[in-house]
Amino acid sequence: MTIRLVCLLATAALASACYTSRPAIDRSSRPPDREGTLAGHVRTDTNAPVSARLVRAVPLDGSGEPYETMTSDTGAYTMKVRPGRYRLEVQLHDGERLSKQPGETNVNPSDLDPGRDFVIARAR
C-alpha cells in the first residue's frame, strides 16, 4: 500500500510541476508592423524562373538607400520596406531586356504587395 501511495504522490507532484500559469499563446499587445512587404516573380518570356537575380526597390522620395534581395530557385522574391513609393528594378545580363515590369509601387504599413513580377526576354 505504501508503494502505491508513494507512486501516486510522485505522479501528482510531476503533473503539477508541468503546469504553468502562463498561456500557451502570447496574447500580449504588440506594436503594429511598420514595414510593408513587396513580393513577385522573375521569369523569362518562356515562363522559366530566373534564379539568383538582384531585385532592388528604389525609394522615389530620395530617402535612404535602395532595398535589395535575390530571387530564389523558383524566381520568387520578397522584401520588407518602409512605407513609401518605390520603383522596382531587376538585374539584367548582356542580351536581355524587360518585356514586363511593375510600375511604381506605393507601400503602406503592414501592406503585402504581391504580384510585382518581371519578365525577361532576349534582346532582338
PDB file of N, CA and C in Angstrom:
ATOM      1  N   MET A   1       0.810  -1.186   0.000  1.00  0.00           N
ATOM      2  CA  MET A   1       0.000   0.000   0.000  1.00  0.00           C
ATOM      3  C   MET A   1       0.866   1.268   0.000  1.00  0.00           C
ATOM      4  N   THR A   2       1.937   1.277   0.760  1.00  0.00           N
ATOM      5  CA  THR A   2       2.787   2.454   0.829  1.00  0.00           C
ATOM      6  C   THR A   2       3.467   2.746  -0.512  1.00  0.00           C
ATOM      7  N   ILE A   3       3.806   1.710  -1.218  1.00  0.00           N
ATOM      8  CA  ILE A   3       4.424   1.921  -2.531  1.00  0.00           C
ATOM      9  C   ILE A   3       3.421   2.579  -3.478  1.00  0.00           C
ATOM     10  N   ARG A   4       2.174   2.129  -3.415  1.00  0.00           N
ATOM     11  CA  ARG A   4       1.137   2.754  -4.252  1.00  0.00           C
ATOM     12  C   ARG A   4       0.953   4.218  -3.881  1.00  0.00           C
ATOM     13  N   LEU A   5       0.941   4.501  -2.595  1.00  0.00           N
ATOM     14  CA  LEU A   5       0.767   5.876  -2.137  1.00  0.00           C
ATOM     15  C   LEU A   5       1.932   6.751  -2.583  1.00  0.00           C
ATOM     16  N   VAL A   6       3.144   6.233  -2.474  1.00  0.00           N
ATOM     17  CA  VAL A   6       4.333   6.975  -2.914  1.00  0.00           C
ATOM     18  C   VAL A   6       4.265   7.218  -4.420  1.00  0.00           C
ATOM     19  N   CYS A   7       3.900   6.210  -5.191  1.00  0.00           N
ATOM     20  CA  CYS A   7       3.782   6.366  -6.661  1.00  0.00           C
ATOM     21  C   CYS A   7       2.698   7.379  -7.015  1.00  0.00           C
ATOM     22  N   LEU A   8       1.586   7.328  -6.319  1.00  0.00           N
ATOM     23  CA  LEU A   8       0.503   8.269  -6.570  1.00  0.00           C
ATOM     24  C   LEU A   8       0.932   9.695  -6.268  1.00  0.00           C
ATOM     25  N   LEU A   9       1.602   9.893  -5.127  1.00  0.00           N
ATOM     26  CA  LEU A   9       2.081  11.233  -4.765  1.00  0.00           C
ATOM     27  C   LEU A   9       3.154  11.725  -5.750  1.00  0.00           C
ATOM     28  N   ALA A  10       4.026  10.841  -6.183  1.00  0.00           N
ATOM     29  CA  ALA A  10       5.070  11.216  -7.150  1.00  0.00           C
ATOM     30  C   ALA A  10       4.450  11.616  -8.485  1.00  0.00           C
ATOM     31  N   THR A  11       3.442  10.882  -8.915  1.00  0.00           N
ATOM     32  CA  THR A  11       2.754  11.212 -10.167  1.00  0.00           C
ATOM     33  C   THR A  11       2.061  12.569 -10.054  1.00  0.00           C
ATOM     34  N   ALA A  12       1.404  12.815  -8.928  1.00  0.00           N
ATOM     35  CA  ALA A  12       0.725  14.100  -8.727  1.00  0.00           C
ATOM     36  C   ALA A  12       1.728  15.242  -8.697  1.00  0.00           C
ATOM     37  N   ALA A  13       2.871  15.021  -8.066  1.00  0.00           N
ATOM     38  CA  ALA A  13       3.900  16.065  -8.000  1.00  0.00           C
ATOM     39  C   ALA A  13       4.450  16.370  -9.386  1.00  0.00           C
ATOM     40  N   LEU A  14       4.704  15.336 -10.175  1.00  0.00           N
ATOM     41  CA  LEU A  14       5.210  15.549 -11.539  1.00  0.00           C
ATOM     42  C   LEU A  14       4.180  16.250 -12.407  1.00  0.00           C
ATOM     43  N   ALA A  15       2.932  15.887 -12.278  1.00  0.00           N
ATOM     44  CA  ALA A  15       1.884  16.517 -13.083  1.00  0.00           C
ATOM     45  C   ALA A  15       1.737  17.984 -12.727  1.00  0.00           C
ATOM     46  N   SER A  16       1.827  18.305 -11.448  1.00  0.00           N
ATOM     47  CA  SER A  16       1.684  19.716 -11.064  1.00  0.00           C
ATOM     48  C   SER A  16       2.918  20.516 -11.452  1.00  0.00           C
ATOM     49  N   ALA A  17       4.084  19.870 -11.551  1.00  0.00           N
ATOM     50  CA  ALA A  17       5.294  20.575 -11.965  1.00  0.00           C
ATOM     51  C   ALA A  17       5.216  20.986 -13.427  1.00  0.00           C
ATOM     52  N   CYS A  18       4.462  20.272 -14.242  1.00  0.00           N
ATOM     53  CA  CYS A  18       4.318  20.601 -15.664  1.00  0.00           C
ATOM     54  C   CYS A  18       3.318  21.717 -15.898  1.00  0.00           C
ATOM     55  N   TYR A  19       2.514  22.038 -14.902  1.00  0.00           N
ATOM     56  CA  TYR A  19       1.501  23.075 -15.062  1.00  0.00           C
ATOM     57  C   TYR A  19       2.161  24.436 -15.050  1.00  0.00           C
ATOM     58  N   THR A  20       1.742  25.296 -15.932  1.00  0.00           N
ATOM     59  CA  THR A  20       2.229  26.666 -15.949  1.00  0.00           C
ATOM     60  C   THR A  20       1.044  27.605 -15.940  1.00  0.00           C
ATOM     61  N   SER A  21       1.205  28.713 -15.267  1.00  0.00           N
ATOM     62  CA  SER A  21       0.096  29.672 -15.203  1.00  0.00           C
ATOM     63  C   SER A  21       0.089  30.603 -16.406  1.00  0.00           C
ATOM     64  N   ARG A  22       1.137  30.550 -17.211  1.00  0.00           N
ATOM     65  CA  ARG A  22       1.200  31.397 -18.405  1.00  0.00           C
ATOM     66  C   ARG A  22       0.451  30.751 -19.557  1.00  0.00           C
ATOM     67  N   PRO A  23      -0.196  31.555 -20.403  1.00  0.00           N
ATOM     68  CA  PRO A  23      -0.900  30.962 -21.546  1.00  0.00           C
ATOM     69  C   PRO A  23       0.086  30.403 -22.560  1.00  0.00           C
ATOM     70  N   ALA A  24      -0.344  29.403 -23.284  1.00  0.00           N
ATOM     71  CA  ALA A  24       0.497  28.806 -24.321  1.00  0.00           C
ATOM     72  C   ALA A  24       0.635  29.740 -25.514  1.00  0.00           C
ATOM     73  N   ILE A  25      -0.330  30.625 -25.701  1.00  0.00           N
ATOM     74  CA  ILE A  25      -0.296  31.594 -26.791  1.00  0.00           C
ATOM     75  C   ILE A  25      -0.104  32.975 -26.193  1.00  0.00           C
ATOM     76  N   ASP A  26       0.882  33.691 -26.702  1.00  0.00           N
ATOM     77  CA  ASP A  26       1.136  35.042 -26.203  1.00  0.00           C
ATOM     78  C   ASP A  26       0.096  35.981 -26.798  1.00  0.00           C
ATOM     79  N   ARG A  27      -0.779  36.487 -25.964  1.00  0.00           N
ATOM     80  CA  ARG A  27      -1.836  37.386 -26.424  1.00  0.00           C
ATOM     81  C   ARG A  27      -1.557  38.833 -26.046  1.00  0.00           C
ATOM     82  N   SER A  28      -0.323  39.120 -25.669  1.00  0.00           N
ATOM     83  CA  SER A  28       0.008  40.487 -25.291  1.00  0.00           C
ATOM     84  C   SER A  28      -0.031  41.384 -26.531  1.00  0.00           C
ATOM     85  N   SER A  29      -0.268  42.651 -26.300  1.00  0.00           N
ATOM     86  CA  SER A  29      -0.340  43.569 -27.438  1.00  0.00           C
ATOM     87  C   SER A  29       1.069  43.833 -27.956  1.00  0.00           C
ATOM     88  N   ARG A  30       1.157  44.030 -29.229  1.00  0.00           N
ATOM     89  CA  ARG A  30       2.437  44.310 -29.889  1.00  0.00           C
ATOM     90  C   ARG A  30       2.264  45.554 -30.746  1.00  0.00           C
ATOM     91  N   PRO A  31       3.357  46.246 -30.951  1.00  0.00           N
ATOM     92  CA  PRO A  31       3.246  47.395 -31.848  1.00  0.00           C
ATOM     93  C   PRO A  31       2.932  46.926 -33.261  1.00  0.00           C
ATOM     94  N   PRO A  32       2.198  47.710 -34.028  1.00  0.00           N
ATOM     95  CA  PRO A  32       1.886  47.301 -35.404  1.00  0.00           C
ATOM     96  C   PRO A  32       3.150  47.227 -36.245  1.00  0.00           C
ATOM     97  N   ASP A  33       3.104  46.355 -37.248  1.00  0.00           N
ATOM     98  CA  ASP A  33       4.219  46.226 -38.175  1.00  0.00           C
ATOM     99  C   ASP A  33       4.345  47.535 -38.950  1.00  0.00           C
ATOM    100  N   ARG A  34       5.496  48.142 -38.892  1.00  0.00           N
ATOM    101  CA  ARG A  34       5.686  49.444 -39.528  1.00  0.00           C
ATOM    102  C   ARG A  34       6.197  49.322 -40.967  1.00  0.00           C
ATOM    103  N   GLU A  35       6.518  48.124 -41.376  1.00  0.00           N
ATOM    104  CA  GLU A  35       7.024  47.910 -42.724  1.00  0.00           C
ATOM    105  C   GLU A  35       5.970  47.236 -43.581  1.00  0.00           C
ATOM    106  N   GLY A  36       6.150  47.346 -44.879  1.00  0.00           N
ATOM    107  CA  GLY A  36       5.327  46.609 -45.823  1.00  0.00           C
ATOM    108  C   GLY A  36       6.188  45.580 -46.522  1.00  0.00           C
ATOM    109  N   THR A  37       5.567  44.696 -47.272  1.00  0.00           N
ATOM    110  CA  THR A  37       6.296  43.632 -47.964  1.00  0.00           C
ATOM    111  C   THR A  37       5.995  43.688 -49.454  1.00  0.00           C
ATOM    112  N   LEU A  38       7.043  43.664 -50.246  1.00  0.00           N
ATOM    113  CA  LEU A  38       6.933  43.565 -51.703  1.00  0.00           C
ATOM    114  C   LEU A  38       7.267  42.132 -52.093  1.00  0.00           C
ATOM    115  N   ALA A  39       6.530  41.586 -53.053  1.00  0.00           N
ATOM    116  CA  ALA A  39       6.780  40.210 -53.476  1.00  0.00           C
ATOM    117  C   ALA A  39       6.445  40.053 -54.946  1.00  0.00           C
ATOM    118  N   GLY A  40       7.134  39.148 -55.600  1.00  0.00           N
ATOM    119  CA  GLY A  40       6.862  38.880 -57.005  1.00  0.00           C
ATOM    120  C   GLY A  40       7.729  37.756 -57.523  1.00  0.00           C
ATOM    121  N   HIS A  41       7.709  37.594 -58.844  1.00  0.00           N
ATOM    122  CA  HIS A  41       8.497  36.571 -59.527  1.00  0.00           C
ATOM    123  C   HIS A  41       9.267  37.211 -60.675  1.00  0.00           C
ATOM    124  N   VAL A  42      10.399  36.619 -60.990  1.00  0.00           N
ATOM    125  CA  VAL A  42      11.168  36.992 -62.174  1.00  0.00           C
ATOM    126  C   VAL A  42      11.206  35.751 -63.053  1.00  0.00           C
ATOM    127  N   ARG A  43      10.694  35.897 -64.278  1.00  0.00           N
ATOM    128  CA  ARG A  43      10.604  34.771 -65.213  1.00  0.00           C
ATOM    129  C   ARG A  43      11.097  35.211 -66.587  1.00  0.00           C
ATOM    130  N   THR A  44      11.380  34.226 -67.420  1.00  0.00           N
ATOM    131  CA  THR A  44      11.717  34.525 -68.811  1.00  0.00           C
ATOM    132  C   THR A  44      10.422  34.614 -69.607  1.00  0.00           C
ATOM    133  N   ASP A  45      10.517  35.047 -70.852  1.00  0.00           N
ATOM    134  CA  ASP A  45       9.322  35.121 -71.692  1.00  0.00           C
ATOM    135  C   ASP A  45       8.799  33.734 -72.069  1.00  0.00           C
ATOM    136  N   THR A  46       9.559  32.678 -71.746  1.00  0.00           N
ATOM    137  CA  THR A  46       9.079  31.310 -71.927  1.00  0.00           C
ATOM    138  C   THR A  46       8.573  30.730 -70.597  1.00  0.00           C
ATOM    139  N   ASN A  47       8.393  31.570 -69.601  1.00  0.00           N
ATOM    140  CA  ASN A  47       7.838  31.241 -68.281  1.00  0.00           C
ATOM    141  C   ASN A  47       8.787  30.419 -67.403  1.00  0.00           C
ATOM    142  N   ALA A  48      10.086  30.425 -67.698  1.00  0.00           N
ATOM    143  CA  ALA A  48      11.064  29.736 -66.849  1.00  0.00           C
ATOM    144  C   ALA A  48      11.476  30.670 -65.712  1.00  0.00           C
ATOM    145  N   PRO A  49      11.605  30.158 -64.494  1.00  0.00           N
ATOM    146  CA  PRO A  49      12.024  31.013 -63.383  1.00  0.00           C
ATOM    147  C   PRO A  49      13.467  31.473 -63.554  1.00  0.00           C
ATOM    148  N   VAL A  50      13.746  32.677 -63.111  1.00  0.00           N
ATOM    149  CA  VAL A  50      15.096  33.230 -63.166  1.00  0.00           C
ATOM    150  C   VAL A  50      15.595  33.341 -61.731  1.00  0.00           C
ATOM    151  N   SER A  51      16.567  32.511 -61.382  1.00  0.00           N
ATOM    152  CA  SER A  51      17.075  32.489 -60.015  1.00  0.00           C
ATOM    153  C   SER A  51      18.338  33.339 -59.880  1.00  0.00           C
ATOM    154  N   ALA A  52      18.659  33.664 -58.639  1.00  0.00           N
ATOM    155  CA  ALA A  52      19.882  34.386 -58.282  1.00  0.00           C
ATOM    156  C   ALA A  52      20.017  35.731 -59.004  1.00  0.00           C
ATOM    157  N   ARG A  53      18.908  36.446 -59.129  1.00  0.00           N
ATOM    158  CA  ARG A  53      18.930  37.789 -59.717  1.00  0.00           C
ATOM    159  C   ARG A  53      18.664  38.819 -58.625  1.00  0.00           C
ATOM    160  N   LEU A  54      19.366  39.909 -58.708  1.00  0.00           N
ATOM    161  CA  LEU A  54      19.197  41.007 -57.769  1.00  0.00           C
ATOM    162  C   LEU A  54      17.941  41.791 -58.120  1.00  0.00           C
ATOM    163  N   VAL A  55      17.076  41.996 -57.123  1.00  0.00           N
ATOM    164  CA  VAL A  55      15.893  42.834 -57.279  1.00  0.00           C
ATOM    165  C   VAL A  55      16.070  43.997 -56.306  1.00  0.00           C
ATOM    166  N   ARG A  56      15.805  45.190 -56.781  1.00  0.00           N
ATOM    167  CA  ARG A  56      16.039  46.395 -55.996  1.00  0.00           C
ATOM    168  C   ARG A  56      14.772  47.239 -55.937  1.00  0.00           C
ATOM    169  N   ALA A  57      14.450  47.758 -54.732  1.00  0.00           N
ATOM    170  CA  ALA A  57      13.356  48.712 -54.546  1.00  0.00           C
ATOM    171  C   ALA A  57      13.995  50.061 -54.238  1.00  0.00           C
ATOM    172  N   VAL A  58      13.829  51.007 -55.168  1.00  0.00           N
ATOM    173  CA  VAL A  58      14.453  52.321 -55.050  1.00  0.00           C
ATOM    174  C   VAL A  58      13.409  53.319 -54.550  1.00  0.00           C
ATOM    175  N   PRO A  59      13.641  53.967 -53.374  1.00  0.00           N
ATOM    176  CA  PRO A  59      12.681  54.956 -52.867  1.00  0.00           C
ATOM    177  C   PRO A  59      12.599  56.149 -53.817  1.00  0.00           C
ATOM    178  N   LEU A  60      11.382  56.531 -54.182  1.00  0.00           N
ATOM    179  CA  LEU A  60      11.211  57.636 -55.124  1.00  0.00           C
ATOM    180  C   LEU A  60      11.331  59.004 -54.466  1.00  0.00           C
ATOM    181  N   ASP A  61      11.259  59.049 -53.139  1.00  0.00           N
ATOM    182  CA  ASP A  61      11.385  60.344 -52.460  1.00  0.00           C
ATOM    183  C   ASP A  61      12.833  60.674 -52.141  1.00  0.00           C
ATOM    184  N   GLY A  62      13.772  59.804 -52.555  1.00  0.00           N
ATOM    185  CA  GLY A  62      15.192  60.064 -52.339  1.00  0.00           C
ATOM    186  C   GLY A  62      15.644  59.811 -50.912  1.00  0.00           C
ATOM    187  N   SER A  63      14.805  59.213 -50.084  1.00  0.00           N
ATOM    188  CA  SER A  63      15.171  58.989 -48.688  1.00  0.00           C
ATOM    189  C   SER A  63      15.836  57.638 -48.505  1.00  0.00           C
ATOM    190  N   GLY A  64      17.086  57.643 -48.274  1.00  0.00           N
ATOM    191  CA  GLY A  64      17.776  56.405 -47.944  1.00  0.00           C
ATOM    192  C   GLY A  64      18.213  55.573 -49.130  1.00  0.00           C
ATOM    193  N   GLU A  65      18.850  54.482 -48.776  1.00  0.00           N
ATOM    194  CA  GLU A  65      19.395  53.548 -49.753  1.00  0.00           C
ATOM    195  C   GLU A  65      18.305  52.613 -50.278  1.00  0.00           C
ATOM    196  N   PRO A  66      18.496  52.076 -51.482  1.00  0.00           N
ATOM    197  CA  PRO A  66      17.549  51.088 -52.002  1.00  0.00           C
ATOM    198  C   PRO A  66      17.581  49.806 -51.170  1.00  0.00           C
ATOM    199  N   TYR A  67      16.489  49.085 -51.186  1.00  0.00           N
ATOM    200  CA  TYR A  67      16.409  47.758 -50.574  1.00  0.00           C
ATOM    201  C   TYR A  67      16.748  46.756 -51.659  1.00  0.00           C
ATOM    202  N   GLU A  68      17.458  45.682 -51.287  1.00  0.00           N
ATOM    203  CA  GLU A  68      17.852  44.681 -52.272  1.00  0.00           C
ATOM    204  C   GLU A  68      17.609  43.278 -51.742  1.00  0.00           C
ATOM    205  N   THR A  69      17.308  42.364 -52.661  1.00  0.00           N
ATOM    206  CA  THR A  69      17.175  40.951 -52.345  1.00  0.00           C
ATOM    207  C   THR A  69      17.503  40.149 -53.596  1.00  0.00           C
ATOM    208  N   MET A  70      17.651  38.848 -53.434  1.00  0.00           N
ATOM    209  CA  MET A  70      17.931  37.963 -54.561  1.00  0.00           C
ATOM    210  C   MET A  70      16.730  37.053 -54.798  1.00  0.00           C
ATOM    211  N   THR A  71      16.532  36.664 -56.047  1.00  0.00           N
ATOM    212  CA  THR A  71      15.455  35.717 -56.345  1.00  0.00           C
ATOM    213  C   THR A  71      15.871  34.312 -55.910  1.00  0.00           C
ATOM    214  N   SER A  72      14.867  33.513 -55.568  1.00  0.00           N
ATOM    215  CA  SER A  72      15.086  32.126 -55.150  1.00  0.00           C
ATOM    216  C   SER A  72      15.192  31.218 -56.379  1.00  0.00           C
ATOM    217  N   ASP A  73      15.283  29.928 -56.126  1.00  0.00           N
ATOM    218  CA  ASP A  73      15.332  28.936 -57.219  1.00  0.00           C
ATOM    219  C   ASP A  73      14.076  28.982 -58.085  1.00  0.00           C
ATOM    220  N   THR A  74      12.962  29.426 -57.498  1.00  0.00           N
ATOM    221  CA  THR A  74      11.704  29.498 -58.243  1.00  0.00           C
ATOM    222  C   THR A  74      11.496  30.858 -58.893  1.00  0.00           C
ATOM    223  N   GLY A  75      12.483  31.740 -58.780  1.00  0.00           N
ATOM    224  CA  GLY A  75      12.365  33.081 -59.344  1.00  0.00           C
ATOM    225  C   GLY A  75      11.601  34.045 -58.458  1.00  0.00           C
ATOM    226  N   ALA A  76      11.214  33.601 -57.253  1.00  0.00           N
ATOM    227  CA  ALA A  76      10.428  34.438 -56.347  1.00  0.00           C
ATOM    228  C   ALA A  76      11.332  35.350 -55.521  1.00  0.00           C
ATOM    229  N   TYR A  77      10.770  36.476 -55.096  1.00  0.00           N
ATOM    230  CA  TYR A  77      11.475  37.363 -54.184  1.00  0.00           C
ATOM    231  C   TYR A  77      10.463  38.006 -53.238  1.00  0.00           C
ATOM    232  N   THR A  78      10.931  38.362 -52.064  1.00  0.00           N
ATOM    233  CA  THR A  78      10.165  39.166 -51.112  1.00  0.00           C
ATOM    234  C   THR A  78      11.147  40.084 -50.409  1.00  0.00           C
ATOM    235  N   MET A  79      10.653  41.248 -50.014  1.00  0.00           N
ATOM    236  CA  MET A  79      11.482  42.148 -49.226  1.00  0.00           C
ATOM    237  C   MET A  79      10.606  43.068 -48.391  1.00  0.00           C
ATOM    238  N   LYS A  80      11.074  43.340 -47.183  1.00  0.00           N
ATOM    239  CA  LYS A  80      10.412  44.288 -46.280  1.00  0.00           C
ATOM    240  C   LYS A  80      10.976  45.667 -46.578  1.00  0.00           C
ATOM    241  N   VAL A  81      10.071  46.659 -46.678  1.00  0.00           N
ATOM    242  CA  VAL A  81      10.478  48.039 -46.941  1.00  0.00           C
ATOM    243  C   VAL A  81       9.675  48.992 -46.059  1.00  0.00           C
ATOM    244  N   ARG A  82      10.222  50.176 -45.839  1.00  0.00           N
ATOM    245  CA  ARG A  82       9.483  51.215 -45.131  1.00  0.00           C
ATOM    246  C   ARG A  82       8.331  51.692 -46.007  1.00  0.00           C
ATOM    247  N   PRO A  83       7.278  52.232 -45.412  1.00  0.00           N
ATOM    248  CA  PRO A  83       6.198  52.810 -46.218  1.00  0.00           C
ATOM    249  C   PRO A  83       6.740  53.904 -47.140  1.00  0.00           C
ATOM    250  N   GLY A  84       6.187  53.977 -48.337  1.00  0.00           N
ATOM    251  CA  GLY A  84       6.610  54.983 -49.312  1.00  0.00           C
ATOM    252  C   GLY A  84       6.368  54.500 -50.729  1.00  0.00           C
ATOM    253  N   ARG A  85       6.834  55.306 -51.695  1.00  0.00           N
ATOM    254  CA  ARG A  85       6.701  54.956 -53.114  1.00  0.00           C
ATOM    255  C   ARG A  85       8.043  54.443 -53.619  1.00  0.00           C
ATOM    256  N   TYR A  86       7.986  53.374 -54.422  1.00  0.00           N
ATOM    257  CA  TYR A  86       9.197  52.709 -54.897  1.00  0.00           C
ATOM    258  C   TYR A  86       9.130  52.412 -56.386  1.00  0.00           C
ATOM    259  N   ARG A  87      10.300  52.413 -57.004  1.00  0.00           N
ATOM    260  CA  ARG A  87      10.491  51.904 -58.360  1.00  0.00           C
ATOM    261  C   ARG A  87      11.238  50.585 -58.189  1.00  0.00           C
ATOM    262  N   LEU A  88      10.749  49.524 -58.818  1.00  0.00           N
ATOM    263  CA  LEU A  88      11.395  48.219 -58.717  1.00  0.00           C
ATOM    264  C   LEU A  88      12.253  47.960 -59.943  1.00  0.00           C
ATOM    265  N   GLU A  89      13.430  47.417 -59.696  1.00  0.00           N
ATOM    266  CA  GLU A  89      14.373  47.111 -60.768  1.00  0.00           C
ATOM    267  C   GLU A  89      14.863  45.683 -60.598  1.00  0.00           C
ATOM    268  N   VAL A  90      15.255  45.054 -61.712  1.00  0.00           N
ATOM    269  CA  VAL A  90      15.854  43.724 -61.662  1.00  0.00           C
ATOM    270  C   VAL A  90      17.154  43.765 -62.461  1.00  0.00           C
ATOM    271  N   GLN A  91      18.120  43.012 -62.028  1.00  0.00           N
ATOM    272  CA  GLN A  91      19.411  42.930 -62.701  1.00  0.00           C
ATOM    273  C   GLN A  91      19.251  42.234 -64.045  1.00  0.00           C
ATOM    274  N   LEU A  92      19.777  42.846 -65.086  1.00  0.00           N
ATOM    275  CA  LEU A  92      19.758  42.247 -66.423  1.00  0.00           C
ATOM    276  C   LEU A  92      21.176  41.885 -66.841  1.00  0.00           C
ATOM    277  N   HIS A  93      21.315  40.802 -67.584  1.00  0.00           N
ATOM    278  CA  HIS A  93      22.600  40.403 -68.152  1.00  0.00           C
ATOM    279  C   HIS A  93      22.661  40.855 -69.608  1.00  0.00           C
ATOM    280  N   ASP A  94      23.843  40.788 -70.183  1.00  0.00           N
ATOM    281  CA  ASP A  94      24.010  41.172 -71.590  1.00  0.00           C
ATOM    282  C   ASP A  94      23.031  40.409 -72.467  1.00  0.00           C
ATOM    283  N   GLY A  95      22.414  41.109 -73.400  1.00  0.00           N
ATOM    284  CA  GLY A  95      21.486  40.494 -74.339  1.00  0.00           C
ATOM    285  C   GLY A  95      20.081  40.325 -73.789  1.00  0.00           C
ATOM    286  N   GLU A  96      19.783  40.886 -72.621  1.00  0.00           N
ATOM    287  CA  GLU A  96      18.447  40.771 -72.043  1.00  0.00           C
ATOM    288  C   GLU A  96      17.766  42.137 -71.996  1.00  0.00           C
ATOM    289  N   ARG A  97      16.439  42.087 -72.036  1.00  0.00           N
ATOM    290  CA  ARG A  97      15.624  43.299 -71.880  1.00  0.00           C
ATOM    291  C   ARG A  97      14.369  42.921 -71.106  1.00  0.00           C
ATOM    292  N   LEU A  98      13.714  43.890 -70.543  1.00  0.00           N
ATOM    293  CA  LEU A  98      12.465  43.628 -69.828  1.00  0.00           C
ATOM    294  C   LEU A  98      11.293  43.722 -70.778  1.00  0.00           C
ATOM    295  N   SER A  99      10.440  42.706 -70.786  1.00  0.00           N
ATOM    296  CA  SER A  99       9.209  42.795 -71.556  1.00  0.00           C
ATOM    297  C   SER A  99       8.025  43.087 -70.635  1.00  0.00           C
ATOM    298  N   LYS A 100       8.249  42.952 -69.317  1.00  0.00           N
ATOM    299  CA  LYS A 100       7.226  43.315 -68.331  1.00  0.00           C
ATOM    300  C   LYS A 100       7.930  43.693 -67.037  1.00  0.00           C
ATOM    301  N   GLN A 101       7.467  44.775 -66.444  1.00  0.00           N
ATOM    302  CA  GLN A 101       7.987  45.157 -65.135  1.00  0.00           C
ATOM    303  C   GLN A 101       6.891  45.886 -64.367  1.00  0.00           C
ATOM    304  N   PRO A 102       6.944  45.820 -63.028  1.00  0.00           N
ATOM    305  CA  PRO A 102       5.911  46.508 -62.243  1.00  0.00           C
ATOM    306  C   PRO A 102       6.070  48.016 -62.340  1.00  0.00           C
ATOM    307  N   GLY A 103       4.951  48.709 -62.245  1.00  0.00           N
ATOM    308  CA  GLY A 103       5.002  50.161 -62.206  1.00  0.00           C
ATOM    309  C   GLY A 103       5.402  50.633 -60.814  1.00  0.00           C
ATOM    310  N   GLU A 104       5.314  51.943 -60.605  1.00  0.00           N
ATOM    311  CA  GLU A 104       5.592  52.480 -59.276  1.00  0.00           C
ATOM    312  C   GLU A 104       4.693  51.785 -58.262  1.00  0.00           C
ATOM    313  N   THR A 105       5.242  51.531 -57.093  1.00  0.00           N
ATOM    314  CA  THR A 105       4.519  50.821 -56.054  1.00  0.00           C
ATOM    315  C   THR A 105       4.439  51.677 -54.807  1.00  0.00           C
ATOM    316  N   ASN A 106       3.229  51.848 -54.293  1.00  0.00           N
ATOM    317  CA  ASN A 106       3.022  52.588 -53.059  1.00  0.00           C
ATOM    318  C   ASN A 106       2.830  51.578 -51.926  1.00  0.00           C
ATOM    319  N   VAL A 107       3.698  51.625 -50.926  1.00  0.00           N
ATOM    320  CA  VAL A 107       3.660  50.674 -49.821  1.00  0.00           C
ATOM    321  C   VAL A 107       3.194  51.393 -48.555  1.00  0.00           C
ATOM    322  N   ASN A 108       2.185  50.830 -47.905  1.00  0.00           N
ATOM    323  CA  ASN A 108       1.685  51.332 -46.626  1.00  0.00           C
ATOM    324  C   ASN A 108       2.139  50.389 -45.517  1.00  0.00           C
ATOM    325  N   PRO A 109       2.093  50.845 -44.237  1.00  0.00           N
ATOM    326  CA  PRO A 109       2.480  49.945 -43.150  1.00  0.00           C
ATOM    327  C   PRO A 109       1.650  48.661 -43.177  1.00  0.00           C
ATOM    328  N   SER A 110       2.309  47.551 -42.950  1.00  0.00           N
ATOM    329  CA  SER A 110       1.707  46.211 -42.883  1.00  0.00           C
ATOM    330  C   SER A 110       1.154  45.729 -44.217  1.00  0.00           C
ATOM    331  N   ASP A 111       1.381  46.446 -45.303  1.00  0.00           N
ATOM    332  CA  ASP A 111       0.912  46.014 -46.627  1.00  0.00           C
ATOM    333  C   ASP A 111       1.647  44.764 -47.085  1.00  0.00           C
ATOM    334  N   LEU A 112       0.953  43.947 -47.853  1.00  0.00           N
ATOM    335  CA  LEU A 112       1.573  42.900 -48.640  1.00  0.00           C
ATOM    336  C   LEU A 112       1.249  43.238 -50.078  1.00  0.00           C
ATOM    337  N   ASP A 113       2.263  43.593 -50.838  1.00  0.00           N
ATOM    338  CA  ASP A 113       2.093  43.964 -52.245  1.00  0.00           C
ATOM    339  C   ASP A 113       2.686  42.856 -53.113  1.00  0.00           C
ATOM    340  N   PRO A 114       1.881  41.807 -53.411  1.00  0.00           N
ATOM    341  CA  PRO A 114       2.370  40.717 -54.249  1.00  0.00           C
ATOM    342  C   PRO A 114       2.191  41.039 -55.727  1.00  0.00           C
ATOM    343  N   GLY A 115       2.641  40.148 -56.555  1.00  0.00           N
ATOM    344  CA  GLY A 115       2.424  40.295 -57.998  1.00  0.00           C
ATOM    345  C   GLY A 115       3.282  41.368 -58.641  1.00  0.00           C
ATOM    346  N   ARG A 116       4.371  41.720 -58.019  1.00  0.00           N
ATOM    347  CA  ARG A 116       5.309  42.700 -58.603  1.00  0.00           C
ATOM    348  C   ARG A 116       6.301  41.911 -59.448  1.00  0.00           C
ATOM    349  N   ASP A 117       5.798  41.444 -60.608  1.00  0.00           N
ATOM    350  CA  ASP A 117       6.528  40.489 -61.441  1.00  0.00           C
ATOM    351  C   ASP A 117       7.311  41.168 -62.561  1.00  0.00           C
ATOM    352  N   PHE A 118       8.401  40.483 -62.921  1.00  0.00           N
ATOM    353  CA  PHE A 118       9.229  40.887 -64.060  1.00  0.00           C
ATOM    354  C   PHE A 118       9.237  39.752 -65.070  1.00  0.00           C
ATOM    355  N   VAL A 119       9.296  40.087 -66.360  1.00  0.00           N
ATOM    356  CA  VAL A 119       9.512  39.103 -67.419  1.00  0.00           C
ATOM    357  C   VAL A 119      10.714  39.580 -68.220  1.00  0.00           C
ATOM    358  N   ILE A 120      11.708  38.698 -68.341  1.00  0.00           N
ATOM    359  CA  ILE A 120      12.941  38.996 -69.057  1.00  0.00           C
ATOM    360  C   ILE A 120      12.930  38.282 -70.386  1.00  0.00           C
ATOM    361  N   ALA A 121      13.245  39.030 -71.450  1.00  0.00           N
ATOM    362  CA  ALA A 121      13.324  38.460 -72.803  1.00  0.00           C
ATOM    363  C   ALA A 121      14.715  38.693 -73.369  1.00  0.00           C
ATOM    364  N   ARG A 122      15.048  37.935 -74.369  1.00  0.00           N
ATOM    365  CA  ARG A 122      16.324  38.150 -75.079  1.00  0.00           C
ATOM    366  C   ARG A 122      16.167  39.370 -75.959  1.00  0.00           C
ATOM    367  N   ALA A 123      17.156  40.242 -75.925  1.00  0.00           N
ATOM    368  CA  ALA A 123      17.133  41.434 -76.776  1.00  0.00           C
ATOM    369  C   ALA A 123      17.207  41.018 -78.229  1.00  0.00           C
ATOM    370  N   ARG A 124      16.476  41.758 -79.063  1.00  0.00           N
ATOM    371  CA  ARG A 124      16.481  41.428 -80.500  1.00  0.00           C
ATOM    372  C   ARG A 124      17.279  42.436 -81.260  1.00  0.00           C
TER     373      ARG A 124
END
